[in-house]
Amino acid sequence: MERIYEPEGWCILKVEIPGQSHFYQVFGSWVGGFADPDKWRLSSGADDLDSTFMEGDICVFPQSSGSIYHLALIAHKQHNFYAQGVLNHLIEQQTDSALGARVSIIDLETQDGRIKVPLEEVES
């Protein structure tokens, strides 16, 4: 059974481990309410960005686990203070790991001010 996630804020992380190929993960966040806390989730990942496609106004990003992320383009990098703090900690923690991993938030190609789909990483 596939699971569909629709984060209110999201970004794409590129994870590079020396001696292995890289992969991409979605960091998604949701704002809580009066009785619910803010939430965040890190996807299982995908080997590339080629599988992304548009479905109406939503970018669909299938993951290696079978879960699917529905990403509103307007929500790209729209995290609240809590989620941004968690994201910064995750990046710092993974970068300092024994694996020597390098984790970074990627910039996405745009066209006419909109994120291009399929998603493409801006080459530095």
PDB file of N, CA and C in Angstrom:
ATOM      1  N   MET A   1       0.846  -1.185   0.000  1.00  0.00           N
ATOM      2  CA  MET A   1       0.000   0.000   0.000  1.00  0.00           C
ATOM      3  C   MET A   1       0.889   1.245   0.000  1.00  0.00           C
ATOM      4  N   GLU A   2       0.675   2.093  -0.973  1.00  0.00           N
ATOM      5  CA  GLU A   2       1.485   3.309  -1.036  1.00  0.00           C
ATOM      6  C   GLU A   2       0.944   4.360  -0.073  1.00  0.00           C
ATOM      7  N   ARG A   3       1.861   5.129   0.466  1.00  0.00           N
ATOM      8  CA  ARG A   3       1.485   6.225   1.360  1.00  0.00           C
ATOM      9  C   ARG A   3       1.748   7.525   0.631  1.00  0.00           C
ATOM     10  N   ILE A   4       0.824   8.443   0.778  1.00  0.00           N
ATOM     11  CA  ILE A   4       0.961   9.748   0.140  1.00  0.00           C
ATOM     12  C   ILE A   4       1.128  10.791   1.231  1.00  0.00           C
ATOM     13  N   TYR A   5       2.152  11.626   1.075  1.00  0.00           N
ATOM     14  CA  TYR A   5       2.433  12.703   2.021  1.00  0.00           C
ATOM     15  C   TYR A   5       2.313  14.030   1.287  1.00  0.00           C
ATOM     16  N   GLU A   6       1.692  14.995   1.943  1.00  0.00           N
ATOM     17  CA  GLU A   6       1.483  16.322   1.367  1.00  0.00           C
ATOM     18  C   GLU A   6       1.992  17.378   2.339  1.00  0.00           C
ATOM     19  N   PRO A   7       3.305  17.594   2.384  1.00  0.00           N
ATOM     20  CA  PRO A   7       3.851  18.556   3.348  1.00  0.00           C
ATOM     21  C   PRO A   7       3.431  19.992   3.043  1.00  0.00           C
ATOM     22  N   GLU A   8       3.324  20.780   4.105  1.00  0.00           N
ATOM     23  CA  GLU A   8       2.994  22.201   3.972  1.00  0.00           C
ATOM     24  C   GLU A   8       4.232  23.029   3.656  1.00  0.00           C
ATOM     25  N   GLY A   9       5.390  22.486   3.958  1.00  0.00           N
ATOM     26  CA  GLY A   9       6.675  23.082   3.602  1.00  0.00           C
ATOM     27  C   GLY A   9       7.605  21.946   3.215  1.00  0.00           C
ATOM     28  N   TRP A  10       8.491  22.174   2.249  1.00  0.00           N
ATOM     29  CA  TRP A  10       9.371  21.086   1.828  1.00  0.00           C
ATOM     30  C   TRP A  10      10.633  21.630   1.167  1.00  0.00           C
ATOM     31  N   CYS A  11      11.655  20.789   1.143  1.00  0.00           N
ATOM     32  CA  CYS A  11      12.866  21.054   0.374  1.00  0.00           C
ATOM     33  C   CYS A  11      13.472  19.701   0.016  1.00  0.00           C
ATOM     34  N   ILE A  12      14.394  19.717  -0.917  1.00  0.00           N
ATOM     35  CA  ILE A  12      15.059  18.493  -1.356  1.00  0.00           C
ATOM     36  C   ILE A  12      16.481  18.495  -0.814  1.00  0.00           C
ATOM     37  N   LEU A  13      16.852  17.398  -0.164  1.00  0.00           N
ATOM     38  CA  LEU A  13      18.208  17.216   0.343  1.00  0.00           C
ATOM     39  C   LEU A  13      18.966  16.274  -0.581  1.00  0.00           C
ATOM     40  N   LYS A  14      20.215  16.609  -0.834  1.00  0.00           N
ATOM     41  CA  LYS A  14      21.106  15.717  -1.582  1.00  0.00           C
ATOM     42  C   LYS A  14      22.063  15.111  -0.568  1.00  0.00           C
ATOM     43  N   VAL A  15      22.119  13.783  -0.535  1.00  0.00           N
ATOM     44  CA  VAL A  15      22.983  13.072   0.404  1.00  0.00           C
ATOM     45  C   VAL A  15      24.093  12.398  -0.399  1.00  0.00           C
ATOM     46  N   GLU A  16      25.327  12.774  -0.079  1.00  0.00           N
ATOM     47  CA  GLU A  16      26.487  12.207  -0.762  1.00  0.00           C
ATOM     48  C   GLU A  16      27.351  11.484   0.266  1.00  0.00           C
ATOM     49  N   ILE A  17      27.609  10.205   0.014  1.00  0.00           N
ATOM     50  CA  ILE A  17      28.455   9.397   0.895  1.00  0.00           C
ATOM     51  C   ILE A  17      29.678   8.983   0.087  1.00  0.00           C
ATOM     52  N   PRO A  18      30.880   9.278   0.573  1.00  0.00           N
ATOM     53  CA  PRO A  18      32.089   8.950  -0.184  1.00  0.00           C
ATOM     54  C   PRO A  18      32.116   7.479  -0.622  1.00  0.00           C
ATOM     55  N   GLY A  19      32.454   7.266  -1.880  1.00  0.00           N
ATOM     56  CA  GLY A  19      32.543   5.915  -2.419  1.00  0.00           C
ATOM     57  C   GLY A  19      31.217   5.320  -2.850  1.00  0.00           C
ATOM     58  N   GLN A  20      30.131   6.071  -2.687  1.00  0.00           N
ATOM     59  CA  GLN A  20      28.805   5.603  -3.094  1.00  0.00           C
ATOM     60  C   GLN A  20      28.147   6.682  -3.937  1.00  0.00           C
ATOM     61  N   SER A  21      27.096   6.311  -4.643  1.00  0.00           N
ATOM     62  CA  SER A  21      26.379   7.323  -5.410  1.00  0.00           C
ATOM     63  C   SER A  21      25.514   8.155  -4.460  1.00  0.00           C
ATOM     64  N   HIS A  22      25.075   9.295  -4.925  1.00  0.00           N
ATOM     65  CA  HIS A  22      24.244  10.174  -4.096  1.00  0.00           C
ATOM     66  C   HIS A  22      22.764   9.798  -4.250  1.00  0.00           C
ATOM     67  N   PHE A  23      21.934  10.345  -3.365  1.00  0.00           N
ATOM     68  CA  PHE A  23      20.493  10.185  -3.480  1.00  0.00           C
ATOM     69  C   PHE A  23      19.822  11.441  -2.941  1.00  0.00           C
ATOM     70  N   TYR A  24      18.530  11.559  -3.205  1.00  0.00           N
ATOM     71  CA  TYR A  24      17.761  12.743  -2.833  1.00  0.00           C
ATOM     72  C   TYR A  24      16.643  12.359  -1.869  1.00  0.00           C
ATOM     73  N   GLN A  25      16.432  13.201  -0.853  1.00  0.00           N
ATOM     74  CA  GLN A  25      15.353  12.992   0.110  1.00  0.00           C
ATOM     75  C   GLN A  25      14.509  14.259   0.204  1.00  0.00           C
ATOM     76  N   VAL A  26      13.237  14.073   0.515  1.00  0.00           N
ATOM     77  CA  VAL A  26      12.337  15.196   0.786  1.00  0.00           C
ATOM     78  C   VAL A  26      12.310  15.415   2.291  1.00  0.00           C
ATOM     79  N   PHE A  27      12.558  16.648   2.716  1.00  0.00           N
ATOM     80  CA  PHE A  27      12.295  17.037   4.099  1.00  0.00           C
ATOM     81  C   PHE A  27      10.977  17.791   4.054  1.00  0.00           C
ATOM     82  N   GLY A  28       9.955  17.235   4.699  1.00  0.00           N
ATOM     83  CA  GLY A  28       8.637  17.853   4.706  1.00  0.00           C
ATOM     84  C   GLY A  28       8.252  18.297   6.101  1.00  0.00           C
ATOM     85  N   SER A  29       7.492  19.380   6.181  1.00  0.00           N
ATOM     86  CA  SER A  29       7.044  19.871   7.486  1.00  0.00           C
ATOM     87  C   SER A  29       5.566  20.251   7.434  1.00  0.00           C
ATOM     88  N   TRP A  30       4.943  20.136   8.596  1.00  0.00           N
ATOM     89  CA  TRP A  30       3.543  20.470   8.770  1.00  0.00           C
ATOM     90  C   TRP A  30       3.405  21.329  10.022  1.00  0.00           C
ATOM     91  N   VAL A  31       2.573  22.345   9.954  1.00  0.00           N
ATOM     92  CA  VAL A  31       2.336  23.224  11.096  1.00  0.00           C
ATOM     93  C   VAL A  31       1.208  22.636  11.929  1.00  0.00           C
ATOM     94  N   GLY A  32       1.433  22.535  13.221  1.00  0.00           N
ATOM     95  CA  GLY A  32       0.419  22.004  14.125  1.00  0.00           C
ATOM     96  C   GLY A  32      -0.641  23.046  14.433  1.00  0.00           C
ATOM     97  N   GLY A  33      -1.571  22.656  15.243  1.00  0.00           N
ATOM     98  CA  GLY A  33      -2.631  23.560  15.664  1.00  0.00           C
ATOM     99  C   GLY A  33      -2.658  23.673  17.173  1.00  0.00           C
ATOM    100  N   PHE A  34      -3.792  24.025  17.702  1.00  0.00           N
ATOM    101  CA  PHE A  34      -3.944  24.221  19.137  1.00  0.00           C
ATOM    102  C   PHE A  34      -3.571  22.962  19.921  1.00  0.00           C
ATOM    103  N   ALA A  35      -4.066  21.811  19.481  1.00  0.00           N
ATOM    104  CA  ALA A  35      -3.839  20.572  20.228  1.00  0.00           C
ATOM    105  C   ALA A  35      -2.789  19.659  19.590  1.00  0.00           C
ATOM    106  N   ASP A  36      -2.326  20.002  18.403  1.00  0.00           N
ATOM    107  CA  ASP A  36      -1.362  19.159  17.689  1.00  0.00           C
ATOM    108  C   ASP A  36      -0.023  19.873  17.554  1.00  0.00           C
ATOM    109  N   PRO A  37       1.074  19.143  17.737  1.00  0.00           N
ATOM    110  CA  PRO A  37       2.397  19.765  17.578  1.00  0.00           C
ATOM    111  C   PRO A  37       2.774  19.900  16.101  1.00  0.00           C
ATOM    112  N   ASP A  38       3.761  20.751  15.830  1.00  0.00           N
ATOM    113  CA  ASP A  38       4.339  20.806  14.493  1.00  0.00           C
ATOM    114  C   ASP A  38       4.979  19.455  14.212  1.00  0.00           C
ATOM    115  N   LYS A  39       5.033  19.073  12.934  1.00  0.00           N
ATOM    116  CA  LYS A  39       5.588  17.770  12.564  1.00  0.00           C
ATOM    117  C   LYS A  39       6.554  17.929  11.401  1.00  0.00           C
ATOM    118  N   TRP A  40       7.434  16.955  11.280  1.00  0.00           N
ATOM    119  CA  TRP A  40       8.353  16.905  10.147  1.00  0.00           C
ATOM    120  C   TRP A  40       8.576  15.454   9.760  1.00  0.00           C
ATOM    121  N   ARG A  41       9.051  15.241   8.545  1.00  0.00           N
ATOM    122  CA  ARG A  41       9.297  13.885   8.055  1.00  0.00           C
ATOM    123  C   ARG A  41      10.404  13.940   7.008  1.00  0.00           C
ATOM    124  N   LEU A  42      11.263  12.936   7.033  1.00  0.00           N
ATOM    125  CA  LEU A  42      12.323  12.798   6.041  1.00  0.00           C
ATOM    126  C   LEU A  42      11.993  11.568   5.205  1.00  0.00           C
ATOM    127  N   SER A  43      11.906  11.744   3.893  1.00  0.00           N
ATOM    128  CA  SER A  43      11.525  10.629   3.025  1.00  0.00           C
ATOM    129  C   SER A  43      12.632   9.586   2.938  1.00  0.00           C
ATOM    130  N   SER A  44      12.284   8.426   2.421  1.00  0.00           N
ATOM    131  CA  SER A  44      13.265   7.344   2.258  1.00  0.00           C
ATOM    132  C   SER A  44      14.296   7.686   1.196  1.00  0.00           C
ATOM    133  N   GLY A  45      13.906   8.474   0.220  1.00  0.00           N
ATOM    134  CA  GLY A  45      14.850   8.909  -0.797  1.00  0.00           C
ATOM    135  C   GLY A  45      14.587   8.305  -2.162  1.00  0.00           C
ATOM    136  N   ALA A  46      15.258   8.882  -3.149  1.00  0.00           N
ATOM    137  CA  ALA A  46      15.198   8.426  -4.536  1.00  0.00           C
ATOM    138  C   ALA A  46      16.573   8.646  -5.150  1.00  0.00           C
ATOM    139  N   ASP A  47      16.930   7.791  -6.094  1.00  0.00           N
ATOM    140  CA  ASP A  47      18.253   7.876  -6.710  1.00  0.00           C
ATOM    141  C   ASP A  47      18.442   9.112  -7.577  1.00  0.00           C
ATOM    142  N   ASP A  48      17.342   9.623  -8.127  1.00  0.00           N
ATOM    143  CA  ASP A  48      17.441  10.807  -8.986  1.00  0.00           C
ATOM    144  C   ASP A  48      16.137  11.593  -8.921  1.00  0.00           C
ATOM    145  N   LEU A  49      16.096  12.683  -9.656  1.00  0.00           N
ATOM    146  CA  LEU A  49      14.915  13.544  -9.662  1.00  0.00           C
ATOM    147  C   LEU A  49      14.056  13.317 -10.903  1.00  0.00           C
ATOM    148  N   ASP A  50      14.489  12.401 -11.779  1.00  0.00           N
ATOM    149  CA  ASP A  50      13.822  12.184 -13.060  1.00  0.00           C
ATOM    150  C   ASP A  50      12.396  11.665 -12.937  1.00  0.00           C
ATOM    151  N   SER A  51      12.063  11.033 -11.828  1.00  0.00           N
ATOM    152  CA  SER A  51      10.733  10.439 -11.676  1.00  0.00           C
ATOM    153  C   SER A  51       9.671  11.462 -11.272  1.00  0.00           C
ATOM    154  N   THR A  52      10.064  12.707 -11.046  1.00  0.00           N
ATOM    155  CA  THR A  52       9.087  13.728 -10.647  1.00  0.00           C
ATOM    156  C   THR A  52       8.230  14.128 -11.845  1.00  0.00           C
ATOM    157  N   PHE A  53       6.967  14.422 -11.579  1.00  0.00           N
ATOM    158  CA  PHE A  53       6.068  14.872 -12.640  1.00  0.00           C
ATOM    159  C   PHE A  53       4.976  15.740 -12.034  1.00  0.00           C
ATOM    160  N   MET A  54       4.303  16.492 -12.890  1.00  0.00           N
ATOM    161  CA  MET A  54       3.227  17.372 -12.434  1.00  0.00           C
ATOM    162  C   MET A  54       1.886  16.655 -12.523  1.00  0.00           C
ATOM    163  N   GLU A  55       1.057  16.907 -11.528  1.00  0.00           N
ATOM    164  CA  GLU A  55      -0.322  16.432 -11.497  1.00  0.00           C
ATOM    165  C   GLU A  55      -1.148  17.630 -11.050  1.00  0.00           C
ATOM    166  N   GLY A  56      -1.699  18.356 -12.002  1.00  0.00           N
ATOM    167  CA  GLY A  56      -2.353  19.627 -11.692  1.00  0.00           C
ATOM    168  C   GLY A  56      -1.304  20.639 -11.266  1.00  0.00           C
ATOM    169  N   ASP A  57      -1.466  21.223 -10.079  1.00  0.00           N
ATOM    170  CA  ASP A  57      -0.504  22.197  -9.546  1.00  0.00           C
ATOM    171  C   ASP A  57       0.486  21.561  -8.578  1.00  0.00           C
ATOM    172  N   ILE A  58       0.544  20.252  -8.538  1.00  0.00           N
ATOM    173  CA  ILE A  58       1.361  19.528  -7.566  1.00  0.00           C
ATOM    174  C   ILE A  58       2.475  18.765  -8.270  1.00  0.00           C
ATOM    175  N   CYS A  59       3.684  18.840  -7.703  1.00  0.00           N
ATOM    176  CA  CYS A  59       4.802  18.030  -8.172  1.00  0.00           C
ATOM    177  C   CYS A  59       4.754  16.708  -7.408  1.00  0.00           C
ATOM    178  N   VAL A  60       4.719  15.615  -8.127  1.00  0.00           N
ATOM    179  CA  VAL A  60       4.661  14.283  -7.525  1.00  0.00           C
ATOM    180  C   VAL A  60       6.066  13.685  -7.546  1.00  0.00           C
ATOM    181  N   PHE A  61       6.527  13.224  -6.383  1.00  0.00           N
ATOM    182  CA  PHE A  61       7.886  12.687  -6.255  1.00  0.00           C
ATOM    183  C   PHE A  61       7.828  11.310  -5.586  1.00  0.00           C
ATOM    184  N   PRO A  62       7.837  10.218  -6.383  1.00  0.00           N
ATOM    185  CA  PRO A  62       7.850   8.865  -5.826  1.00  0.00           C
ATOM    186  C   PRO A  62       9.179   8.567  -5.131  1.00  0.00           C
ATOM    187  N   GLN A  63       9.125   7.801  -4.043  1.00  0.00           N
ATOM    188  CA  GLN A  63      10.316   7.452  -3.272  1.00  0.00           C
ATOM    189  C   GLN A  63      10.621   5.958  -3.408  1.00  0.00           C
ATOM    190  N   SER A  64      11.834   5.571  -3.051  1.00  0.00           N
ATOM    191  CA  SER A  64      12.255   4.173  -3.204  1.00  0.00           C
ATOM    192  C   SER A  64      11.439   3.213  -2.337  1.00  0.00           C
ATOM    193  N   SER A  65      10.864   3.695  -1.251  1.00  0.00           N
ATOM    194  CA  SER A  65      10.054   2.844  -0.365  1.00  0.00           C
ATOM    195  C   SER A  65       8.659   2.584  -0.920  1.00  0.00           C
ATOM    196  N   GLY A  66       8.278   3.324  -1.963  1.00  0.00           N
ATOM    197  CA  GLY A  66       6.931   3.225  -2.507  1.00  0.00           C
ATOM    198  C   GLY A  66       6.035   4.368  -2.077  1.00  0.00           C
ATOM    199  N   SER A  67       6.461   5.147  -1.088  1.00  0.00           N
ATOM    200  CA  SER A  67       5.669   6.312  -0.689  1.00  0.00           C
ATOM    201  C   SER A  67       5.783   7.386  -1.768  1.00  0.00           C
ATOM    202  N   ILE A  68       4.810   8.285  -1.767  1.00  0.00           N
ATOM    203  CA  ILE A  68       4.751   9.340  -2.774  1.00  0.00           C
ATOM    204  C   ILE A  68       4.569  10.671  -2.064  1.00  0.00           C
ATOM    205  N   TYR A  69       5.341  11.658  -2.476  1.00  0.00           N
ATOM    206  CA  TYR A  69       5.223  13.002  -1.923  1.00  0.00           C
ATOM    207  C   TYR A  69       4.557  13.906  -2.946  1.00  0.00           C
ATOM    208  N   HIS A  70       3.488  14.576  -2.520  1.00  0.00           N
ATOM    209  CA  HIS A  70       2.818  15.584  -3.332  1.00  0.00           C
ATOM    210  C   HIS A  70       3.321  16.939  -2.844  1.00  0.00           C
ATOM    211  N   LEU A  71       4.057  17.631  -3.691  1.00  0.00           N
ATOM    212  CA  LEU A  71       4.752  18.855  -3.299  1.00  0.00           C
ATOM    213  C   LEU A  71       4.159  20.069  -4.004  1.00  0.00           C
ATOM    214  N   ALA A  72       3.496  20.922  -3.242  1.00  0.00           N
ATOM    215  CA  ALA A  72       2.998  22.177  -3.803  1.00  0.00           C
ATOM    216  C   ALA A  72       4.210  23.068  -4.064  1.00  0.00           C
ATOM    217  N   LEU A  73       4.380  23.515  -5.303  1.00  0.00           N
ATOM    218  CA  LEU A  73       5.572  24.294  -5.651  1.00  0.00           C
ATOM    219  C   LEU A  73       5.687  25.561  -4.815  1.00  0.00           C
ATOM    220  N   ILE A  74       4.555  26.138  -4.454  1.00  0.00           N
ATOM    221  CA  ILE A  74       4.557  27.366  -3.656  1.00  0.00           C
ATOM    222  C   ILE A  74       5.085  27.122  -2.238  1.00  0.00           C
ATOM    223  N   ALA A  75       5.118  25.868  -1.792  1.00  0.00           N
ATOM    224  CA  ALA A  75       5.561  25.538  -0.429  1.00  0.00           C
ATOM    225  C   ALA A  75       7.057  25.215  -0.350  1.00  0.00           C
ATOM    226  N   HIS A  76       7.770  25.331  -1.469  1.00  0.00           N
ATOM    227  CA  HIS A  76       9.208  25.018  -1.490  1.00  0.00           C
ATOM    228  C   HIS A  76       9.967  25.933  -0.534  1.00  0.00           C
ATOM    229  N   LYS A  77      10.699  25.340   0.390  1.00  0.00           N
ATOM    230  CA  LYS A  77      11.497  26.037   1.406  1.00  0.00           C
ATOM    231  C   LYS A  77      10.657  26.924   2.329  1.00  0.00           C
ATOM    232  N   GLN A  78       9.402  26.569   2.533  1.00  0.00           N
ATOM    233  CA  GLN A  78       8.508  27.340   3.403  1.00  0.00           C
ATOM    234  C   GLN A  78       8.327  26.622   4.737  1.00  0.00           C
ATOM    235  N   HIS A  79       9.395  26.581   5.522  1.00  0.00           N
ATOM    236  CA  HIS A  79       9.347  25.922   6.827  1.00  0.00           C
ATOM    237  C   HIS A  79       9.187  26.961   7.930  1.00  0.00           C
ATOM    238  N   ASN A  80       8.489  26.575   9.004  1.00  0.00           N
ATOM    239  CA  ASN A  80       8.421  27.475  10.152  1.00  0.00           C
ATOM    240  C   ASN A  80       9.723  27.369  10.952  1.00  0.00           C
ATOM    241  N   PHE A  81       9.827  28.145  11.996  1.00  0.00           N
ATOM    242  CA  PHE A  81      11.059  28.226  12.785  1.00  0.00           C
ATOM    243  C   PHE A  81      11.447  26.867  13.360  1.00  0.00           C
ATOM    244  N   TYR A  82      10.464  26.141  13.874  1.00  0.00           N
ATOM    245  CA  TYR A  82      10.721  24.816  14.453  1.00  0.00           C
ATOM    246  C   TYR A  82      11.300  23.868  13.403  1.00  0.00           C
ATOM    247  N   ALA A  83      10.630  23.753  12.263  1.00  0.00           N
ATOM    248  CA  ALA A  83      11.074  22.822  11.219  1.00  0.00           C
ATOM    249  C   ALA A  83      12.441  23.215  10.673  1.00  0.00           C
ATOM    250  N   GLN A  84      12.690  24.507  10.541  1.00  0.00           N
ATOM    251  CA  GLN A  84      14.000  24.953  10.053  1.00  0.00           C
ATOM    252  C   GLN A  84      15.095  24.558  11.033  1.00  0.00           C
ATOM    253  N   GLY A  85      14.805  24.645  12.327  1.00  0.00           N
ATOM    254  CA  GLY A  85      15.771  24.223  13.337  1.00  0.00           C
ATOM    255  C   GLY A  85      16.058  22.728  13.267  1.00  0.00           C
ATOM    256  N   VAL A  86      15.010  21.928  13.084  1.00  0.00           N
ATOM    257  CA  VAL A  86      15.186  20.476  12.939  1.00  0.00           C
ATOM    258  C   VAL A  86      16.009  20.177  11.695  1.00  0.00           C
ATOM    259  N   LEU A  87      15.689  20.836  10.604  1.00  0.00           N
ATOM    260  CA  LEU A  87      16.413  20.632   9.347  1.00  0.00           C
ATOM    261  C   LEU A  87      17.892  20.965   9.505  1.00  0.00           C
ATOM    262  N   ASN A  88      18.183  22.098  10.103  1.00  0.00           N
ATOM    263  CA  ASN A  88      19.585  22.487  10.320  1.00  0.00           C
ATOM    264  C   ASN A  88      20.318  21.451  11.169  1.00  0.00           C
ATOM    265  N   HIS A  89      19.646  20.950  12.210  1.00  0.00           N
ATOM    266  CA  HIS A  89      20.250  19.937  13.083  1.00  0.00           C
ATOM    267  C   HIS A  89      20.501  18.633  12.316  1.00  0.00           C
ATOM    268  N   LEU A  90      19.545  18.205  11.504  1.00  0.00           N
ATOM    269  CA  LEU A  90      19.712  16.983  10.713  1.00  0.00           C
ATOM    270  C   LEU A  90      20.910  17.087   9.776  1.00  0.00           C
ATOM    271  N   ILE A  91      21.021  18.214   9.099  1.00  0.00           N
ATOM    272  CA  ILE A  91      22.133  18.410   8.162  1.00  0.00           C
ATOM    273  C   ILE A  91      23.459  18.381   8.912  1.00  0.00           C
ATOM    274  N   GLU A  92      23.514  19.086  10.023  1.00  0.00           N
ATOM    275  CA  GLU A  92      24.735  19.139  10.835  1.00  0.00           C
ATOM    276  C   GLU A  92      25.099  17.746  11.366  1.00  0.00           C
ATOM    277  N   GLN A  93      24.108  17.033  11.874  1.00  0.00           N
ATOM    278  CA  GLN A  93      24.319  15.702  12.454  1.00  0.00           C
ATOM    279  C   GLN A  93      24.800  14.709  11.396  1.00  0.00           C
ATOM    280  N   GLN A  94      24.177  14.715  10.223  1.00  0.00           N
ATOM    281  CA  GLN A  94      24.563  13.776   9.169  1.00  0.00           C
ATOM    282  C   GLN A  94      25.930  14.111   8.588  1.00  0.00           C
ATOM    283  N   THR A  95      26.230  15.396   8.467  1.00  0.00           N
ATOM    284  CA  THR A  95      27.515  15.814   7.920  1.00  0.00           C
ATOM    285  C   THR A  95      28.646  15.422   8.861  1.00  0.00           C
ATOM    286  N   ASP A  96      28.376  15.406  10.162  1.00  0.00           N
ATOM    287  CA  ASP A  96      29.389  15.039  11.152  1.00  0.00           C
ATOM    288  C   ASP A  96      29.433  13.535  11.431  1.00  0.00           C
ATOM    289  N   SER A  97      28.654  12.740  10.707  1.00  0.00           N
ATOM    290  CA  SER A  97      28.582  11.303  10.993  1.00  0.00           C
ATOM    291  C   SER A  97      29.868  10.584  10.597  1.00  0.00           C
ATOM    292  N   ALA A  98      30.030   9.390  11.108  1.00  0.00           N
ATOM    293  CA  ALA A  98      31.219   8.574  10.830  1.00  0.00           C
ATOM    294  C   ALA A  98      31.314   8.191   9.355  1.00  0.00           C
ATOM    295  N   LEU A  99      30.195   8.228   8.642  1.00  0.00           N
ATOM    296  CA  LEU A  99      30.204   7.878   7.222  1.00  0.00           C
ATOM    297  C   LEU A  99      30.877   8.942   6.360  1.00  0.00           C
ATOM    298  N   GLY A 100      31.040  10.131   6.922  1.00  0.00           N
ATOM    299  CA  GLY A 100      31.599  11.229   6.138  1.00  0.00           C
ATOM    300  C   GLY A 100      30.607  11.764   5.122  1.00  0.00           C
ATOM    301  N   ALA A 101      29.324  11.588   5.403  1.00  0.00           N
ATOM    302  CA  ALA A 101      28.279  12.028   4.481  1.00  0.00           C
ATOM    303  C   ALA A 101      28.267  13.545   4.349  1.00  0.00           C
ATOM    304  N   ARG A 102      27.882  13.988   3.182  1.00  0.00           N
ATOM    305  CA  ARG A 102      27.678  15.417   2.948  1.00  0.00           C
ATOM    306  C   ARG A 102      26.202  15.585   2.595  1.00  0.00           C
ATOM    307  N   VAL A 103      25.500  16.367   3.381  1.00  0.00           N
ATOM    308  CA  VAL A 103      24.075  16.597   3.167  1.00  0.00           C
ATOM    309  C   VAL A 103      23.872  18.075   2.892  1.00  0.00           C
ATOM    310  N   SER A 104      23.133  18.377   1.832  1.00  0.00           N
ATOM    311  CA  SER A 104      22.896  19.783   1.501  1.00  0.00           C
ATOM    312  C   SER A 104      21.496  19.961   0.923  1.00  0.00           C
ATOM    313  N   ILE A 105      20.943  21.145   1.151  1.00  0.00           N
ATOM    314  CA  ILE A 105      19.673  21.520   0.532  1.00  0.00           C
ATOM    315  C   ILE A 105      20.016  21.971  -0.879  1.00  0.00           C
ATOM    316  N   ILE A 106      19.371  21.385  -1.866  1.00  0.00           N
ATOM    317  CA  ILE A 106      19.703  21.768  -3.233  1.00  0.00           C
ATOM    318  C   ILE A 106      18.807  22.904  -3.709  1.00  0.00           C
ATOM    319  N   ASP A 107      19.350  23.698  -4.608  1.00  0.00           N
ATOM    320  CA  ASP A 107      18.564  24.702  -5.307  1.00  0.00           C
ATOM    321  C   ASP A 107      17.987  24.036  -6.543  1.00  0.00           C
ATOM    322  N   LEU A 108      16.775  24.405  -6.905  1.00  0.00           N
ATOM    323  CA  LEU A 108      16.099  23.794  -8.042  1.00  0.00           C
ATOM    324  C   LEU A 108      16.041  24.758  -9.217  1.00  0.00           C
ATOM    325  N   GLU A 109      16.158  24.194 -10.427  1.00  0.00           N
ATOM    326  CA  GLU A 109      16.071  24.990 -11.650  1.00  0.00           C
ATOM    327  C   GLU A 109      14.698  25.648 -11.730  1.00  0.00           C
ATOM    328  N   THR A 110      14.684  26.880 -12.211  1.00  0.00           N
ATOM    329  CA  THR A 110      13.428  27.592 -12.394  1.00  0.00           C
ATOM    330  C   THR A 110      13.311  28.073 -13.835  1.00  0.00           C
ATOM    331  N   GLN A 111      12.089  28.333 -14.236  1.00  0.00           N
ATOM    332  CA  GLN A 111      11.813  28.902 -15.545  1.00  0.00           C
ATOM    333  C   GLN A 111      10.670  29.885 -15.356  1.00  0.00           C
ATOM    334  N   ASP A 112      10.895  31.117 -15.737  1.00  0.00           N
ATOM    335  CA  ASP A 112       9.894  32.175 -15.558  1.00  0.00           C
ATOM    336  C   ASP A 112       9.451  32.293 -14.102  1.00  0.00           C
ATOM    337  N   GLY A 113      10.401  32.107 -13.173  1.00  0.00           N
ATOM    338  CA  GLY A 113      10.120  32.264 -11.753  1.00  0.00           C
ATOM    339  C   GLY A 113       9.448  31.072 -11.099  1.00  0.00           C
ATOM    340  N   ARG A 114       9.216  30.006 -11.857  1.00  0.00           N
ATOM    341  CA  ARG A 114       8.577  28.805 -11.301  1.00  0.00           C
ATOM    342  C   ARG A 114       9.555  27.642 -11.341  1.00  0.00           C
ATOM    343  N   ILE A 115       9.468  26.769 -10.367  1.00  0.00           N
ATOM    344  CA  ILE A 115      10.314  25.573 -10.326  1.00  0.00           C
ATOM    345  C   ILE A 115       9.959  24.676 -11.506  1.00  0.00           C
ATOM    346  N   LYS A 116      10.991  24.221 -12.219  1.00  0.00           N
ATOM    347  CA  LYS A 116      10.786  23.330 -13.362  1.00  0.00           C
ATOM    348  C   LYS A 116      10.526  21.902 -12.884  1.00  0.00           C
ATOM    349  N   VAL A 117       9.626  21.227 -13.573  1.00  0.00           N
ATOM    350  CA  VAL A 117       9.333  19.823 -13.297  1.00  0.00           C
ATOM    351  C   VAL A 117       9.424  19.083 -14.622  1.00  0.00           C
ATOM    352  N   PRO A 118      10.134  17.925 -14.715  1.00  0.00           N
ATOM    353  CA  PRO A 118      10.745  17.244 -13.604  1.00  0.00           C
ATOM    354  C   PRO A 118      11.786  18.115 -12.911  1.00  0.00           C
ATOM    355  N   LEU A 119      11.917  17.899 -11.601  1.00  0.00           N
ATOM    356  CA  LEU A 119      12.852  18.692 -10.808  1.00  0.00           C
ATOM    357  C   LEU A 119      14.269  18.528 -11.343  1.00  0.00           C
ATOM    358  N   GLU A 120      15.019  19.621 -11.324  1.00  0.00           N
ATOM    359  CA  GLU A 120      16.416  19.601 -11.738  1.00  0.00           C
ATOM    360  C   GLU A 120      17.226  20.382 -10.726  1.00  0.00           C
ATOM    361  N   GLU A 121      18.367  19.831 -10.356  1.00  0.00           N
ATOM    362  CA  GLU A 121      19.271  20.502  -9.428  1.00  0.00           C
ATOM    363  C   GLU A 121      20.056  21.575 -10.174  1.00  0.00           C
ATOM    364  N   VAL A 122      20.207  22.744  -9.567  1.00  0.00           N
ATOM    365  CA  VAL A 122      21.055  23.792 -10.128  1.00  0.00           C
ATOM    366  C   VAL A 122      22.494  23.370  -9.889  1.00  0.00           C
ATOM    367  N   GLU A 123      23.259  23.260 -10.953  1.00  0.00           N
ATOM    368  CA  GLU A 123      24.667  22.883 -10.817  1.00  0.00           C
ATOM    369  C   GLU A 123      25.463  24.094 -10.366  1.00  0.00           C
ATOM    370  N   SER A 124      26.312  23.905  -9.336  1.00  0.00           N
ATOM    371  CA  SER A 124      27.108  25.023  -8.823  1.00  0.00           C
ATOM    372  C   SER A 124      28.406  25.149  -9.567  1.00  0.00           C
TER     373      SER A 124
END
